[in-house]
């Protein structure tokens, strides 16, 4: 399994006068059954999955689970009332 997280620009950017809607990465040729690539760009997160369908026959379930996990994390951070002081 490969798992990456790559931060992108914090603000939206343009390329040759065209606004970039999102940044997604991919990887090809690795002999692994699951690759998870995560890019954060302009306060958005893009998750790209590459799966071996012999090992993970229904990747949409995995996508749904990842989306639910991010939603739980987001809600948990919003619910924090007091900042942590170091």
N, C-alpha and C. Protein backbone atom coordinates (compact mmCIF):
# COMPACT_ATOMS: atom_id res chain seq x y z
N UNK A 1 0.84 -1.17 0.00
CA UNK A 1 0.00 0.00 0.00
C UNK A 1 0.89 1.24 0.00
N UNK A 2 0.53 2.20 -0.79
CA UNK A 2 1.19 3.50 -0.80
C UNK A 2 0.20 4.53 -0.31
N UNK A 3 0.68 5.49 0.46
CA UNK A 3 -0.18 6.55 0.98
C UNK A 3 0.62 7.83 0.94
N UNK A 4 0.12 8.85 0.27
CA UNK A 4 0.84 10.12 0.20
C UNK A 4 -0.07 11.26 0.59
N UNK A 5 0.51 12.35 0.99
CA UNK A 5 -0.21 13.59 1.22
C UNK A 5 0.68 14.70 0.71
N UNK A 6 0.18 15.46 -0.23
CA UNK A 6 0.97 16.52 -0.83
C UNK A 6 0.24 17.85 -0.70
N UNK A 7 0.80 18.81 0.02
CA UNK A 7 0.13 20.11 0.12
C UNK A 7 0.31 20.89 -1.18
N UNK A 8 -0.75 21.52 -1.59
CA UNK A 8 -0.69 22.38 -2.77
C UNK A 8 -0.81 23.83 -2.33
N UNK A 9 -1.01 24.73 -3.29
CA UNK A 9 -1.16 26.14 -2.95
C UNK A 9 -2.37 26.37 -2.04
N UNK A 10 -2.26 27.34 -1.15
CA UNK A 10 -3.37 27.67 -0.25
C UNK A 10 -4.45 28.47 -0.96
N UNK A 11 -4.06 29.23 -1.98
CA UNK A 11 -5.01 30.05 -2.73
C UNK A 11 -5.15 29.47 -4.14
N UNK A 12 -6.30 29.76 -4.76
CA UNK A 12 -6.51 29.26 -6.11
C UNK A 12 -5.53 29.93 -7.07
N UNK A 13 -5.11 29.18 -8.05
CA UNK A 13 -4.14 29.66 -9.03
C UNK A 13 -4.72 29.51 -10.43
N UNK A 14 -4.05 30.13 -11.39
CA UNK A 14 -4.47 29.97 -12.78
C UNK A 14 -3.27 29.52 -13.59
N UNK A 15 -3.57 28.88 -14.69
CA UNK A 15 -2.53 28.37 -15.59
C UNK A 15 -2.87 28.87 -16.99
N UNK A 16 -2.02 29.72 -17.54
CA UNK A 16 -2.26 30.33 -18.85
C UNK A 16 -3.62 30.99 -18.92
N UNK A 17 -4.01 31.68 -17.84
CA UNK A 17 -5.26 32.41 -17.80
C UNK A 17 -6.49 31.58 -17.46
N UNK A 18 -6.32 30.28 -17.22
CA UNK A 18 -7.44 29.39 -16.86
C UNK A 18 -7.33 29.04 -15.39
N UNK A 19 -8.42 29.27 -14.66
CA UNK A 19 -8.41 28.96 -13.23
C UNK A 19 -8.35 27.45 -13.02
N UNK A 20 -7.47 27.03 -12.12
CA UNK A 20 -7.32 25.61 -11.80
C UNK A 20 -8.43 25.22 -10.84
N UNK A 21 -9.26 24.25 -11.24
CA UNK A 21 -10.39 23.82 -10.40
C UNK A 21 -9.93 22.91 -9.27
N UNK A 22 -9.01 21.99 -9.55
CA UNK A 22 -8.47 21.11 -8.53
C UNK A 22 -7.16 20.52 -9.03
N UNK A 23 -6.38 20.00 -8.11
CA UNK A 23 -5.11 19.37 -8.44
C UNK A 23 -5.22 17.91 -8.01
N UNK A 24 -5.01 17.01 -8.94
CA UNK A 24 -5.06 15.58 -8.62
C UNK A 24 -3.77 14.93 -9.11
N UNK A 25 -3.27 14.01 -8.34
CA UNK A 25 -2.06 13.29 -8.74
C UNK A 25 -2.43 11.87 -9.09
N UNK A 26 -1.51 11.20 -9.74
CA UNK A 26 -1.71 9.78 -10.00
C UNK A 26 -0.35 9.13 -10.05
N UNK A 27 -0.36 7.84 -9.91
CA UNK A 27 0.87 7.05 -10.00
C UNK A 27 0.53 5.83 -10.84
N UNK A 28 1.48 5.37 -11.61
CA UNK A 28 1.21 4.26 -12.52
C UNK A 28 2.32 3.23 -12.43
N UNK A 29 1.95 1.97 -12.44
CA UNK A 29 2.93 0.91 -12.57
C UNK A 29 3.44 0.30 -11.28
N UNK A 30 3.01 0.81 -10.14
CA UNK A 30 3.47 0.23 -8.88
C UNK A 30 2.73 -1.09 -8.65
N UNK A 31 3.45 -2.13 -8.29
CA UNK A 31 2.81 -3.43 -8.07
C UNK A 31 2.21 -3.54 -6.66
N UNK A 32 1.29 -2.63 -6.33
CA UNK A 32 0.65 -2.65 -5.02
C UNK A 32 -0.87 -2.69 -5.23
N UNK A 33 -1.60 -3.34 -4.34
CA UNK A 33 -3.05 -3.43 -4.53
C UNK A 33 -3.81 -2.15 -4.20
N UNK A 34 -3.20 -1.23 -3.45
CA UNK A 34 -3.90 0.00 -3.08
C UNK A 34 -2.92 1.16 -3.03
N UNK A 35 -3.25 2.21 -3.75
CA UNK A 35 -2.51 3.46 -3.68
C UNK A 35 -3.50 4.56 -3.34
N UNK A 36 -3.20 5.34 -2.31
CA UNK A 36 -4.04 6.46 -1.90
C UNK A 36 -3.19 7.72 -2.03
N UNK A 37 -3.62 8.63 -2.90
CA UNK A 37 -2.92 9.89 -3.11
C UNK A 37 -3.84 11.02 -2.66
N UNK A 38 -3.35 11.88 -1.78
CA UNK A 38 -4.15 12.98 -1.25
C UNK A 38 -3.43 14.29 -1.53
N UNK A 39 -4.17 15.23 -2.10
CA UNK A 39 -3.64 16.56 -2.36
C UNK A 39 -4.58 17.58 -1.74
N UNK A 40 -4.05 18.48 -0.94
CA UNK A 40 -4.85 19.59 -0.43
C UNK A 40 -4.52 20.82 -1.26
N UNK A 41 -5.55 21.47 -1.79
CA UNK A 41 -5.37 22.62 -2.66
C UNK A 41 -6.50 23.61 -2.42
N UNK A 42 -6.15 24.83 -2.03
CA UNK A 42 -7.10 25.92 -1.85
C UNK A 42 -8.28 25.50 -0.98
N UNK A 43 -7.95 24.93 0.18
CA UNK A 43 -8.95 24.51 1.16
C UNK A 43 -9.87 23.39 0.64
N UNK A 44 -9.39 22.62 -0.33
CA UNK A 44 -10.11 21.45 -0.84
C UNK A 44 -9.16 20.26 -0.76
N UNK A 45 -9.72 19.09 -0.56
CA UNK A 45 -8.92 17.87 -0.54
C UNK A 45 -9.38 16.98 -1.68
N UNK A 46 -8.42 16.49 -2.46
CA UNK A 46 -8.71 15.54 -3.52
C UNK A 46 -8.03 14.22 -3.17
N UNK A 47 -8.82 13.16 -3.15
CA UNK A 47 -8.30 11.83 -2.86
C UNK A 47 -8.39 11.01 -4.14
N UNK A 48 -7.27 10.44 -4.55
CA UNK A 48 -7.23 9.60 -5.73
C UNK A 48 -6.86 8.19 -5.29
N UNK A 49 -7.69 7.22 -5.66
CA UNK A 49 -7.43 5.83 -5.32
C UNK A 49 -7.06 5.05 -6.57
N UNK A 50 -6.11 4.19 -6.43
CA UNK A 50 -5.77 3.23 -7.47
C UNK A 50 -5.79 1.86 -6.80
N UNK A 51 -6.65 0.97 -7.30
CA UNK A 51 -6.83 -0.32 -6.63
C UNK A 51 -6.68 -1.48 -7.60
N UNK A 52 -6.28 -2.60 -7.06
CA UNK A 52 -6.28 -3.87 -7.79
C UNK A 52 -7.64 -4.49 -7.53
N UNK A 53 -8.47 -4.60 -8.57
CA UNK A 53 -9.83 -5.09 -8.34
C UNK A 53 -9.90 -6.57 -7.98
N UNK A 54 -8.78 -7.28 -8.06
CA UNK A 54 -8.76 -8.66 -7.54
C UNK A 54 -8.66 -8.67 -6.02
N UNK A 55 -8.11 -7.60 -5.44
CA UNK A 55 -7.96 -7.49 -3.99
C UNK A 55 -9.10 -6.67 -3.39
N UNK A 56 -9.44 -5.57 -4.05
CA UNK A 56 -10.51 -4.67 -3.58
C UNK A 56 -11.57 -4.62 -4.68
N UNK A 57 -12.56 -5.51 -4.63
CA UNK A 57 -13.51 -5.64 -5.73
C UNK A 57 -14.48 -4.47 -5.88
N UNK A 58 -14.72 -3.70 -4.81
CA UNK A 58 -15.67 -2.59 -4.88
C UNK A 58 -15.04 -1.34 -4.29
N UNK A 59 -14.22 -0.62 -5.07
CA UNK A 59 -13.53 0.55 -4.53
C UNK A 59 -14.47 1.69 -4.15
N UNK A 60 -15.69 1.70 -4.67
CA UNK A 60 -16.62 2.78 -4.31
C UNK A 60 -16.97 2.73 -2.82
N UNK A 61 -16.99 1.53 -2.23
CA UNK A 61 -17.24 1.40 -0.79
C UNK A 61 -16.08 2.04 -0.02
N UNK A 62 -14.86 1.79 -0.47
CA UNK A 62 -13.69 2.40 0.16
C UNK A 62 -13.74 3.92 0.04
N UNK A 63 -14.14 4.43 -1.13
CA UNK A 63 -14.29 5.89 -1.31
C UNK A 63 -15.32 6.45 -0.35
N UNK A 64 -16.45 5.77 -0.21
CA UNK A 64 -17.49 6.22 0.72
C UNK A 64 -16.97 6.25 2.16
N UNK A 65 -16.20 5.22 2.53
CA UNK A 65 -15.64 5.17 3.89
C UNK A 65 -14.65 6.30 4.13
N UNK A 66 -13.82 6.60 3.13
CA UNK A 66 -12.85 7.69 3.27
C UNK A 66 -13.59 9.02 3.39
N UNK A 67 -14.63 9.21 2.58
CA UNK A 67 -15.41 10.44 2.66
C UNK A 67 -16.05 10.60 4.03
N UNK A 68 -16.60 9.51 4.57
CA UNK A 68 -17.22 9.55 5.89
C UNK A 68 -16.17 9.86 6.97
N UNK A 69 -14.98 9.28 6.84
CA UNK A 69 -13.92 9.54 7.82
C UNK A 69 -13.51 11.01 7.81
N UNK A 70 -13.37 11.60 6.63
CA UNK A 70 -13.03 13.02 6.54
C UNK A 70 -14.14 13.88 7.14
N UNK A 71 -15.39 13.50 6.93
CA UNK A 71 -16.51 14.25 7.50
C UNK A 71 -16.48 14.18 9.02
N UNK A 72 -16.18 13.00 9.58
CA UNK A 72 -16.07 12.85 11.03
C UNK A 72 -14.93 13.71 11.58
N UNK A 73 -13.80 13.72 10.89
CA UNK A 73 -12.67 14.53 11.33
C UNK A 73 -13.03 16.01 11.30
N UNK A 74 -13.67 16.44 10.21
CA UNK A 74 -14.07 17.84 10.08
C UNK A 74 -15.04 18.23 11.20
N UNK A 75 -16.03 17.41 11.45
CA UNK A 75 -17.00 17.71 12.50
C UNK A 75 -16.36 17.72 13.88
N UNK A 76 -15.42 16.83 14.11
CA UNK A 76 -14.74 16.79 15.41
C UNK A 76 -13.91 18.06 15.63
N UNK A 77 -13.29 18.58 14.57
CA UNK A 77 -12.49 19.79 14.74
C UNK A 77 -13.37 21.02 14.88
N UNK A 78 -14.52 21.04 14.23
CA UNK A 78 -15.44 22.17 14.35
C UNK A 78 -16.04 22.21 15.75
N UNK A 79 -16.28 21.03 16.36
CA UNK A 79 -16.91 20.95 17.67
C UNK A 79 -15.99 21.37 18.81
N UNK A 80 -14.71 21.48 18.55
CA UNK A 80 -13.77 21.87 19.60
C UNK A 80 -14.02 23.33 19.94
N UNK A 81 -14.36 23.57 21.21
CA UNK A 81 -14.71 24.94 21.64
C UNK A 81 -13.51 25.72 22.14
N UNK A 82 -12.58 25.04 22.81
CA UNK A 82 -11.46 25.73 23.42
C UNK A 82 -10.18 25.43 22.67
N UNK A 83 -9.42 26.45 22.28
CA UNK A 83 -8.16 26.18 21.61
C UNK A 83 -7.15 25.56 22.56
N UNK A 84 -6.29 24.73 22.03
CA UNK A 84 -5.25 24.10 22.83
C UNK A 84 -4.04 25.03 22.84
N UNK A 85 -3.59 25.40 24.04
CA UNK A 85 -2.41 26.27 24.17
C UNK A 85 -1.21 25.42 24.52
N UNK A 86 -0.12 25.63 23.80
CA UNK A 86 1.11 24.89 24.09
C UNK A 86 1.99 25.67 25.02
